[in-house]
Amino acid sequence: MMSLFTASLIIFALTLGAVFAYFAIKSRDLVKAAVFSAGQSAAFALAFFMLMAPDIVLAYVAVAIGIYTVVLLYVINKTERFEEAEE
């Protein structure tokens, strides 16, 4: 059985991931959006770790936090940093 502390930590991690996803979507600064996306990935990795899935955590951290964020920052560097405001 899962303890109350573990369940609470999983709920916290998933909520934090949802908050980071919201901030990533709403941010006009694309570098901040990439950082929020990495934060969301870290929160989900914590949830996977608490669900006792270490193999998924290792792959998820390497891809979602590492490679994905580096590629996003590289692409942002080659384009505009700030998203244009909608009129």
PDB file of N, CA and C in Angstrom:
ATOM      1  N   MET A   1       0.819  -1.191   0.000  1.00  0.00           N
ATOM      2  CA  MET A   1       0.000   0.000   0.000  1.00  0.00           C
ATOM      3  C   MET A   1       0.865   1.257   0.000  1.00  0.00           C
ATOM      4  N   MET A   2       0.351   2.307  -0.558  1.00  0.00           N
ATOM      5  CA  MET A   2       1.056   3.578  -0.630  1.00  0.00           C
ATOM      6  C   MET A   2       0.731   4.393   0.625  1.00  0.00           C
ATOM      7  N   SER A   3       1.758   4.984   1.205  1.00  0.00           N
ATOM      8  CA  SER A   3       1.533   5.788   2.406  1.00  0.00           C
ATOM      9  C   SER A   3       0.903   7.135   2.027  1.00  0.00           C
ATOM     10  N   LEU A   4       0.364   7.793   3.007  1.00  0.00           N
ATOM     11  CA  LEU A   4      -0.266   9.093   2.790  1.00  0.00           C
ATOM     12  C   LEU A   4       0.765  10.119   2.342  1.00  0.00           C
ATOM     13  N   PHE A   5       1.966  10.048   2.898  1.00  0.00           N
ATOM     14  CA  PHE A   5       3.036  10.969   2.514  1.00  0.00           C
ATOM     15  C   PHE A   5       3.408  10.792   1.045  1.00  0.00           C
ATOM     16  N   THR A   6       3.539   9.549   0.611  1.00  0.00           N
ATOM     17  CA  THR A   6       3.887   9.268  -0.783  1.00  0.00           C
ATOM     18  C   THR A   6       2.803   9.755  -1.726  1.00  0.00           C
ATOM     19  N   ALA A   7       1.559   9.490  -1.368  1.00  0.00           N
ATOM     20  CA  ALA A   7       0.446   9.942  -2.208  1.00  0.00           C
ATOM     21  C   ALA A   7       0.399  11.462  -2.269  1.00  0.00           C
ATOM     22  N   SER A   8       0.647  12.120  -1.150  1.00  0.00           N
ATOM     23  CA  SER A   8       0.650  13.581  -1.121  1.00  0.00           C
ATOM     24  C   SER A   8       1.778  14.148  -1.971  1.00  0.00           C
ATOM     25  N   LEU A   9       2.940  13.505  -1.918  1.00  0.00           N
ATOM     26  CA  LEU A   9       4.079  13.967  -2.714  1.00  0.00           C
ATOM     27  C   LEU A   9       3.820  13.783  -4.210  1.00  0.00           C
ATOM     28  N   ILE A  10       3.170  12.702  -4.579  1.00  0.00           N
ATOM     29  CA  ILE A  10       2.823  12.486  -5.989  1.00  0.00           C
ATOM     30  C   ILE A  10       1.832  13.546  -6.457  1.00  0.00           C
ATOM     31  N   ILE A  11       0.818  13.822  -5.645  1.00  0.00           N
ATOM     32  CA  ILE A  11      -0.168  14.845  -5.997  1.00  0.00           C
ATOM     33  C   ILE A  11       0.502  16.212  -6.110  1.00  0.00           C
ATOM     34  N   PHE A  12       1.423  16.511  -5.185  1.00  0.00           N
ATOM     35  CA  PHE A  12       2.157  17.782  -5.247  1.00  0.00           C
ATOM     36  C   PHE A  12       2.979  17.873  -6.528  1.00  0.00           C
ATOM     37  N   ALA A  13       3.680  16.803  -6.887  1.00  0.00           N
ATOM     38  CA  ALA A  13       4.522  16.813  -8.086  1.00  0.00           C
ATOM     39  C   ALA A  13       3.678  16.991  -9.347  1.00  0.00           C
ATOM     40  N   LEU A  14       2.548  16.318  -9.419  1.00  0.00           N
ATOM     41  CA  LEU A  14       1.692  16.452 -10.599  1.00  0.00           C
ATOM     42  C   LEU A  14       1.067  17.843 -10.681  1.00  0.00           C
ATOM     43  N   THR A  15       0.699  18.411  -9.528  1.00  0.00           N
ATOM     44  CA  THR A  15       0.159  19.770  -9.517  1.00  0.00           C
ATOM     45  C   THR A  15       1.224  20.776  -9.926  1.00  0.00           C
ATOM     46  N   LEU A  16       2.428  20.598  -9.408  1.00  0.00           N
ATOM     47  CA  LEU A  16       3.538  21.476  -9.781  1.00  0.00           C
ATOM     48  C   LEU A  16       3.830  21.376 -11.279  1.00  0.00           C
ATOM     49  N   GLY A  17       3.764  20.163 -11.819  1.00  0.00           N
ATOM     50  CA  GLY A  17       3.946  19.983 -13.260  1.00  0.00           C
ATOM     51  C   GLY A  17       2.888  20.711 -14.066  1.00  0.00           C
ATOM     52  N   ALA A  18       1.644  20.679 -13.590  1.00  0.00           N
ATOM     53  CA  ALA A  18       0.563  21.384 -14.287  1.00  0.00           C
ATOM     54  C   ALA A  18       0.762  22.896 -14.217  1.00  0.00           C
ATOM     55  N   VAL A  19       1.221  23.397 -13.085  1.00  0.00           N
ATOM     56  CA  VAL A  19       1.476  24.833 -12.942  1.00  0.00           C
ATOM     57  C   VAL A  19       2.608  25.263 -13.870  1.00  0.00           C
ATOM     58  N   PHE A  20       3.684  24.477 -13.919  1.00  0.00           N
ATOM     59  CA  PHE A  20       4.789  24.796 -14.831  1.00  0.00           C
ATOM     60  C   PHE A  20       4.333  24.751 -16.286  1.00  0.00           C
ATOM     61  N   ALA A  21       3.474  23.808 -16.633  1.00  0.00           N
ATOM     62  CA  ALA A  21       2.967  23.731 -18.004  1.00  0.00           C
ATOM     63  C   ALA A  21       2.149  24.972 -18.345  1.00  0.00           C
ATOM     64  N   TYR A  22       1.330  25.427 -17.396  1.00  0.00           N
ATOM     65  CA  TYR A  22       0.540  26.646 -17.617  1.00  0.00           C
ATOM     66  C   TYR A  22       1.455  27.845 -17.857  1.00  0.00           C
ATOM     67  N   PHE A  23       2.482  27.989 -17.005  1.00  0.00           N
ATOM     68  CA  PHE A  23       3.407  29.114 -17.165  1.00  0.00           C
ATOM     69  C   PHE A  23       4.193  29.008 -18.470  1.00  0.00           C
ATOM     70  N   ALA A  24       4.519  27.807 -18.900  1.00  0.00           N
ATOM     71  CA  ALA A  24       5.227  27.635 -20.172  1.00  0.00           C
ATOM     72  C   ALA A  24       4.356  28.060 -21.346  1.00  0.00           C
ATOM     73  N   ILE A  25       3.079  27.792 -21.254  1.00  0.00           N
ATOM     74  CA  ILE A  25       2.168  28.160 -22.340  1.00  0.00           C
ATOM     75  C   ILE A  25       1.927  29.669 -22.369  1.00  0.00           C
ATOM     76  N   LYS A  26       1.783  30.288 -21.198  1.00  0.00           N
ATOM     77  CA  LYS A  26       1.431  31.705 -21.127  1.00  0.00           C
ATOM     78  C   LYS A  26       2.625  32.651 -21.276  1.00  0.00           C
ATOM     79  N   SER A  27       3.835  32.163 -21.152  1.00  0.00           N
ATOM     80  CA  SER A  27       5.015  33.020 -21.179  1.00  0.00           C
ATOM     81  C   SER A  27       5.286  33.524 -22.593  1.00  0.00           C
ATOM     82  N   ARG A  28       5.573  34.827 -22.703  1.00  0.00           N
ATOM     83  CA  ARG A  28       5.934  35.421 -23.994  1.00  0.00           C
ATOM     84  C   ARG A  28       7.428  35.293 -24.259  1.00  0.00           C
ATOM     85  N   ASP A  29       8.213  35.151 -23.197  1.00  0.00           N
ATOM     86  CA  ASP A  29       9.654  34.956 -23.322  1.00  0.00           C
ATOM     87  C   ASP A  29       9.904  33.465 -23.541  1.00  0.00           C
ATOM     88  N   LEU A  30      10.433  33.122 -24.700  1.00  0.00           N
ATOM     89  CA  LEU A  30      10.566  31.713 -25.055  1.00  0.00           C
ATOM     90  C   LEU A  30      11.629  30.996 -24.234  1.00  0.00           C
ATOM     91  N   VAL A  31      12.638  31.714 -23.742  1.00  0.00           N
ATOM     92  CA  VAL A  31      13.634  31.081 -22.877  1.00  0.00           C
ATOM     93  C   VAL A  31      12.995  30.696 -21.550  1.00  0.00           C
ATOM     94  N   LYS A  32      12.176  31.589 -21.002  1.00  0.00           N
ATOM     95  CA  LYS A  32      11.452  31.255 -19.772  1.00  0.00           C
ATOM     96  C   LYS A  32      10.513  30.081 -20.000  1.00  0.00           C
ATOM     97  N   ALA A  33       9.880  30.032 -21.163  1.00  0.00           N
ATOM     98  CA  ALA A  33       8.978  28.921 -21.476  1.00  0.00           C
ATOM     99  C   ALA A  33       9.745  27.604 -21.530  1.00  0.00           C
ATOM    100  N   ALA A  34      10.957  27.616 -22.069  1.00  0.00           N
ATOM    101  CA  ALA A  34      11.771  26.399 -22.106  1.00  0.00           C
ATOM    102  C   ALA A  34      12.175  25.973 -20.699  1.00  0.00           C
ATOM    103  N   VAL A  35      12.487  26.939 -19.834  1.00  0.00           N
ATOM    104  CA  VAL A  35      12.847  26.623 -18.452  1.00  0.00           C
ATOM    105  C   VAL A  35      11.635  26.072 -17.700  1.00  0.00           C
ATOM    106  N   PHE A  36      10.466  26.663 -17.929  1.00  0.00           N
ATOM    107  CA  PHE A  36       9.249  26.135 -17.304  1.00  0.00           C
ATOM    108  C   PHE A  36       8.952  24.720 -17.799  1.00  0.00           C
ATOM    109  N   SER A  37       9.221  24.464 -19.062  1.00  0.00           N
ATOM    110  CA  SER A  37       9.025  23.124 -19.602  1.00  0.00           C
ATOM    111  C   SER A  37       9.975  22.120 -18.946  1.00  0.00           C
ATOM    112  N   ALA A  38      11.203  22.544 -18.695  1.00  0.00           N
ATOM    113  CA  ALA A  38      12.149  21.675 -17.987  1.00  0.00           C
ATOM    114  C   ALA A  38      11.693  21.446 -16.547  1.00  0.00           C
ATOM    115  N   GLY A  39      11.124  22.472 -15.922  1.00  0.00           N
ATOM    116  CA  GLY A  39      10.584  22.312 -14.572  1.00  0.00           C
ATOM    117  C   GLY A  39       9.421  21.342 -14.537  1.00  0.00           C
ATOM    118  N   GLN A  40       8.580  21.414 -15.549  1.00  0.00           N
ATOM    119  CA  GLN A  40       7.470  20.464 -15.649  1.00  0.00           C
ATOM    120  C   GLN A  40       8.010  19.043 -15.783  1.00  0.00           C
ATOM    121  N   SER A  41       9.022  18.859 -16.584  1.00  0.00           N
ATOM    122  CA  SER A  41       9.618  17.540 -16.762  1.00  0.00           C
ATOM    123  C   SER A  41      10.233  17.031 -15.461  1.00  0.00           C
ATOM    124  N   ALA A  42      10.868  17.930 -14.699  1.00  0.00           N
ATOM    125  CA  ALA A  42      11.447  17.534 -13.415  1.00  0.00           C
ATOM    126  C   ALA A  42      10.357  17.123 -12.425  1.00  0.00           C
ATOM    127  N   ALA A  43       9.246  17.836 -12.435  1.00  0.00           N
ATOM    128  CA  ALA A  43       8.138  17.479 -11.541  1.00  0.00           C
ATOM    129  C   ALA A  43       7.559  16.116 -11.918  1.00  0.00           C
ATOM    130  N   PHE A  44       7.411  15.865 -13.203  1.00  0.00           N
ATOM    131  CA  PHE A  44       6.905  14.558 -13.632  1.00  0.00           C
ATOM    132  C   PHE A  44       7.910  13.447 -13.334  1.00  0.00           C
ATOM    133  N   ALA A  45       9.195  13.749 -13.444  1.00  0.00           N
ATOM    134  CA  ALA A  45      10.214  12.758 -13.088  1.00  0.00           C
ATOM    135  C   ALA A  45      10.133  12.409 -11.607  1.00  0.00           C
ATOM    136  N   LEU A  46       9.869  13.399 -10.762  1.00  0.00           N
ATOM    137  CA  LEU A  46       9.679  13.134  -9.335  1.00  0.00           C
ATOM    138  C   LEU A  46       8.464  12.234  -9.109  1.00  0.00           C
ATOM    139  N   ALA A  47       7.394  12.490  -9.850  1.00  0.00           N
ATOM    140  CA  ALA A  47       6.203  11.647  -9.719  1.00  0.00           C
ATOM    141  C   ALA A  47       6.504  10.216 -10.161  1.00  0.00           C
ATOM    142  N   PHE A  48       7.223  10.052 -11.263  1.00  0.00           N
ATOM    143  CA  PHE A  48       7.600   8.703 -11.703  1.00  0.00           C
ATOM    144  C   PHE A  48       8.487   8.014 -10.677  1.00  0.00           C
ATOM    145  N   PHE A  49       9.400   8.772 -10.058  1.00  0.00           N
ATOM    146  CA  PHE A  49      10.268   8.203  -9.040  1.00  0.00           C
ATOM    147  C   PHE A  49       9.459   7.731  -7.833  1.00  0.00           C
ATOM    148  N   MET A  50       8.491   8.528  -7.434  1.00  0.00           N
ATOM    149  CA  MET A  50       7.659   8.147  -6.295  1.00  0.00           C
ATOM    150  C   MET A  50       6.758   6.960  -6.628  1.00  0.00           C
ATOM    151  N   LEU A  51       6.458   6.769  -7.897  1.00  0.00           N
ATOM    152  CA  LEU A  51       5.669   5.609  -8.327  1.00  0.00           C
ATOM    153  C   LEU A  51       6.542   4.376  -8.558  1.00  0.00           C
ATOM    154  N   MET A  52       7.821   4.489  -8.158  1.00  0.00           N
ATOM    155  CA  MET A  52       8.781   3.391  -8.221  1.00  0.00           C
ATOM    156  C   MET A  52       9.010   2.897  -9.647  1.00  0.00           C
ATOM    157  N   ALA A  53       9.286   3.832 -10.534  1.00  0.00           N
ATOM    158  CA  ALA A  53       9.603   3.508 -11.922  1.00  0.00           C
ATOM    159  C   ALA A  53      10.952   4.127 -12.269  1.00  0.00           C
ATOM    160  N   PRO A  54      12.050   3.615 -11.690  1.00  0.00           N
ATOM    161  CA  PRO A  54      13.351   4.264 -11.897  1.00  0.00           C
ATOM    162  C   PRO A  54      13.851   4.197 -13.334  1.00  0.00           C
ATOM    163  N   ASP A  55      13.498   3.164 -14.075  1.00  0.00           N
ATOM    164  CA  ASP A  55      13.947   3.076 -15.459  1.00  0.00           C
ATOM    165  C   ASP A  55      13.314   4.171 -16.309  1.00  0.00           C
ATOM    166  N   ILE A  56      12.058   4.467 -16.059  1.00  0.00           N
ATOM    167  CA  ILE A  56      11.385   5.540 -16.779  1.00  0.00           C
ATOM    168  C   ILE A  56      11.978   6.887 -16.385  1.00  0.00           C
ATOM    169  N   VAL A  57      12.301   7.054 -15.099  1.00  0.00           N
ATOM    170  CA  VAL A  57      12.881   8.306 -14.625  1.00  0.00           C
ATOM    171  C   VAL A  57      14.210   8.582 -15.319  1.00  0.00           C
ATOM    172  N   LEU A  58      15.063   7.583 -15.433  1.00  0.00           N
ATOM    173  CA  LEU A  58      16.373   7.791 -16.055  1.00  0.00           C
ATOM    174  C   LEU A  58      16.235   8.209 -17.521  1.00  0.00           C
ATOM    175  N   ALA A  59      15.351   7.554 -18.244  1.00  0.00           N
ATOM    176  CA  ALA A  59      15.149   7.917 -19.644  1.00  0.00           C
ATOM    177  C   ALA A  59      14.471   9.273 -19.769  1.00  0.00           C
ATOM    178  N   TYR A  60      13.495   9.538 -18.912  1.00  0.00           N
ATOM    179  CA  TYR A  60      12.735  10.783 -18.979  1.00  0.00           C
ATOM    180  C   TYR A  60      13.608  11.994 -18.649  1.00  0.00           C
ATOM    181  N   VAL A  61      14.453  11.857 -17.640  1.00  0.00           N
ATOM    182  CA  VAL A  61      15.336  12.965 -17.265  1.00  0.00           C
ATOM    183  C   VAL A  61      16.319  13.263 -18.386  1.00  0.00           C
ATOM    184  N   ALA A  62      16.894  12.230 -18.965  1.00  0.00           N
ATOM    185  CA  ALA A  62      17.876  12.439 -20.028  1.00  0.00           C
ATOM    186  C   ALA A  62      17.253  13.101 -21.251  1.00  0.00           C
ATOM    187  N   VAL A  63      16.059  12.678 -21.614  1.00  0.00           N
ATOM    188  CA  VAL A  63      15.441  13.206 -22.828  1.00  0.00           C
ATOM    189  C   VAL A  63      14.691  14.506 -22.556  1.00  0.00           C
ATOM    190  N   ALA A  64      13.770  14.497 -21.605  1.00  0.00           N
ATOM    191  CA  ALA A  64      12.877  15.642 -21.412  1.00  0.00           C
ATOM    192  C   ALA A  64      13.579  16.844 -20.796  1.00  0.00           C
ATOM    193  N   ILE A  65      14.454  16.609 -19.830  1.00  0.00           N
ATOM    194  CA  ILE A  65      15.131  17.731 -19.197  1.00  0.00           C
ATOM    195  C   ILE A  65      16.415  18.080 -19.950  1.00  0.00           C
ATOM    196  N   GLY A  66      17.149  17.091 -20.395  1.00  0.00           N
ATOM    197  CA  GLY A  66      18.429  17.334 -21.035  1.00  0.00           C
ATOM    198  C   GLY A  66      18.334  17.702 -22.497  1.00  0.00           C
ATOM    199  N   ILE A  67      18.072  16.730 -23.326  1.00  0.00           N
ATOM    200  CA  ILE A  67      18.136  16.923 -24.777  1.00  0.00           C
ATOM    201  C   ILE A  67      17.068  17.898 -25.269  1.00  0.00           C
ATOM    202  N   TYR A  68      15.839  17.723 -24.809  1.00  0.00           N
ATOM    203  CA  TYR A  68      14.731  18.558 -25.273  1.00  0.00           C
ATOM    204  C   TYR A  68      14.967  20.033 -24.947  1.00  0.00           C
ATOM    205  N   THR A  69      15.414  20.317 -23.729  1.00  0.00           N
ATOM    206  CA  THR A  69      15.645  21.703 -23.328  1.00  0.00           C
ATOM    207  C   THR A  69      16.809  22.316 -24.101  1.00  0.00           C
ATOM    208  N   VAL A  70      17.868  21.557 -24.314  1.00  0.00           N
ATOM    209  CA  VAL A  70      19.015  22.068 -25.066  1.00  0.00           C
ATOM    210  C   VAL A  70      18.617  22.364 -26.511  1.00  0.00           C
ATOM    211  N   VAL A  71      17.846  21.502 -27.121  1.00  0.00           N
ATOM    212  CA  VAL A  71      17.400  21.734 -28.502  1.00  0.00           C
ATOM    213  C   VAL A  71      16.495  22.968 -28.567  1.00  0.00           C
ATOM    214  N   LEU A  72      15.578  23.098 -27.605  1.00  0.00           N
ATOM    215  CA  LEU A  72      14.714  24.280 -27.589  1.00  0.00           C
ATOM    216  C   LEU A  72      15.523  25.563 -27.443  1.00  0.00           C
ATOM    217  N   LEU A  73      16.480  25.573 -26.531  1.00  0.00           N
ATOM    218  CA  LEU A  73      17.291  26.780 -26.337  1.00  0.00           C
ATOM    219  C   LEU A  73      18.138  27.089 -27.574  1.00  0.00           C
ATOM    220  N   TYR A  74      18.618  26.068 -28.264  1.00  0.00           N
ATOM    221  CA  TYR A  74      19.375  26.274 -29.499  1.00  0.00           C
ATOM    222  C   TYR A  74      18.486  26.892 -30.580  1.00  0.00           C
ATOM    223  N   VAL A  75      17.278  26.377 -30.719  1.00  0.00           N
ATOM    224  CA  VAL A  75      16.361  26.904 -31.732  1.00  0.00           C
ATOM    225  C   VAL A  75      15.952  28.335 -31.393  1.00  0.00           C
ATOM    226  N   ILE A  76      15.713  28.606 -30.112  1.00  0.00           N
ATOM    227  CA  ILE A  76      15.363  29.965 -29.699  1.00  0.00           C
ATOM    228  C   ILE A  76      16.525  30.912 -29.979  1.00  0.00           C
ATOM    229  N   ASN A  77      17.746  30.438 -29.791  1.00  0.00           N
ATOM    230  CA  ASN A  77      18.926  31.260 -30.073  1.00  0.00           C
ATOM    231  C   ASN A  77      19.002  31.632 -31.558  1.00  0.00           C
ATOM    232  N   LYS A  78      18.540  30.752 -32.420  1.00  0.00           N
ATOM    233  CA  LYS A  78      18.584  31.006 -33.867  1.00  0.00           C
ATOM    234  C   LYS A  78      17.410  31.857 -34.350  1.00  0.00           C
ATOM    235  N   THR A  79      16.389  32.042 -33.501  1.00  0.00           N
ATOM    236  CA  THR A  79      15.224  32.828 -33.900  1.00  0.00           C
ATOM    237  C   THR A  79      15.048  33.994 -32.917  1.00  0.00           C
ATOM    238  N   GLU A  80      13.845  34.472 -32.790  1.00  0.00           N
ATOM    239  CA  GLU A  80      13.527  35.563 -31.878  1.00  0.00           C
ATOM    240  C   GLU A  80      13.276  35.010 -30.475  1.00  0.00           C
ATOM    241  N   ARG A  81      13.745  35.753 -29.456  1.00  0.00           N
ATOM    242  CA  ARG A  81      13.556  35.291 -28.076  1.00  0.00           C
ATOM    243  C   ARG A  81      12.137  35.539 -27.595  1.00  0.00           C
ATOM    244  N   PHE A  82      11.548  36.648 -27.981  1.00  0.00           N
ATOM    245  CA  PHE A  82      10.223  37.017 -27.487  1.00  0.00           C
ATOM    246  C   PHE A  82       9.171  36.752 -28.545  1.00  0.00           C
ATOM    247  N   GLU A  83       8.052  36.202 -28.102  1.00  0.00           N
ATOM    248  CA  GLU A  83       6.934  35.940 -28.992  1.00  0.00           C
ATOM    249  C   GLU A  83       6.187  37.241 -29.212  1.00  0.00           C
ATOM    250  N   GLU A  84       5.721  37.452 -30.417  1.00  0.00           N
ATOM    251  CA  GLU A  84       4.981  38.677 -30.728  1.00  0.00           C
ATOM    252  C   GLU A  84       3.618  38.646 -30.051  1.00  0.00           C
ATOM    253  N   ALA A  85       3.185  39.796 -29.585  1.00  0.00           N
ATOM    254  CA  ALA A  85       1.880  39.898 -28.928  1.00  0.00           C
ATOM    255  C   ALA A  85       0.767  39.827 -29.970  1.00  0.00           C
ATOM    256  N   GLU A  86      -0.319  39.155 -29.599  1.00  0.00           N
ATOM    257  CA  GLU A  86      -1.477  39.076 -30.490  1.00  0.00           C
ATOM    258  C   GLU A  86      -2.248  40.373 -30.414  1.00  0.00           C
ATOM    259  N   GLU A  87      -2.762  40.800 -31.541  1.00  0.00           N
ATOM    260  CA  GLU A  87      -3.513  42.062 -31.555  1.00  0.00           C
ATOM    261  C   GLU A  87      -4.967  41.807 -31.749  1.00  0.00           C
TER     262      GLU A  87
END
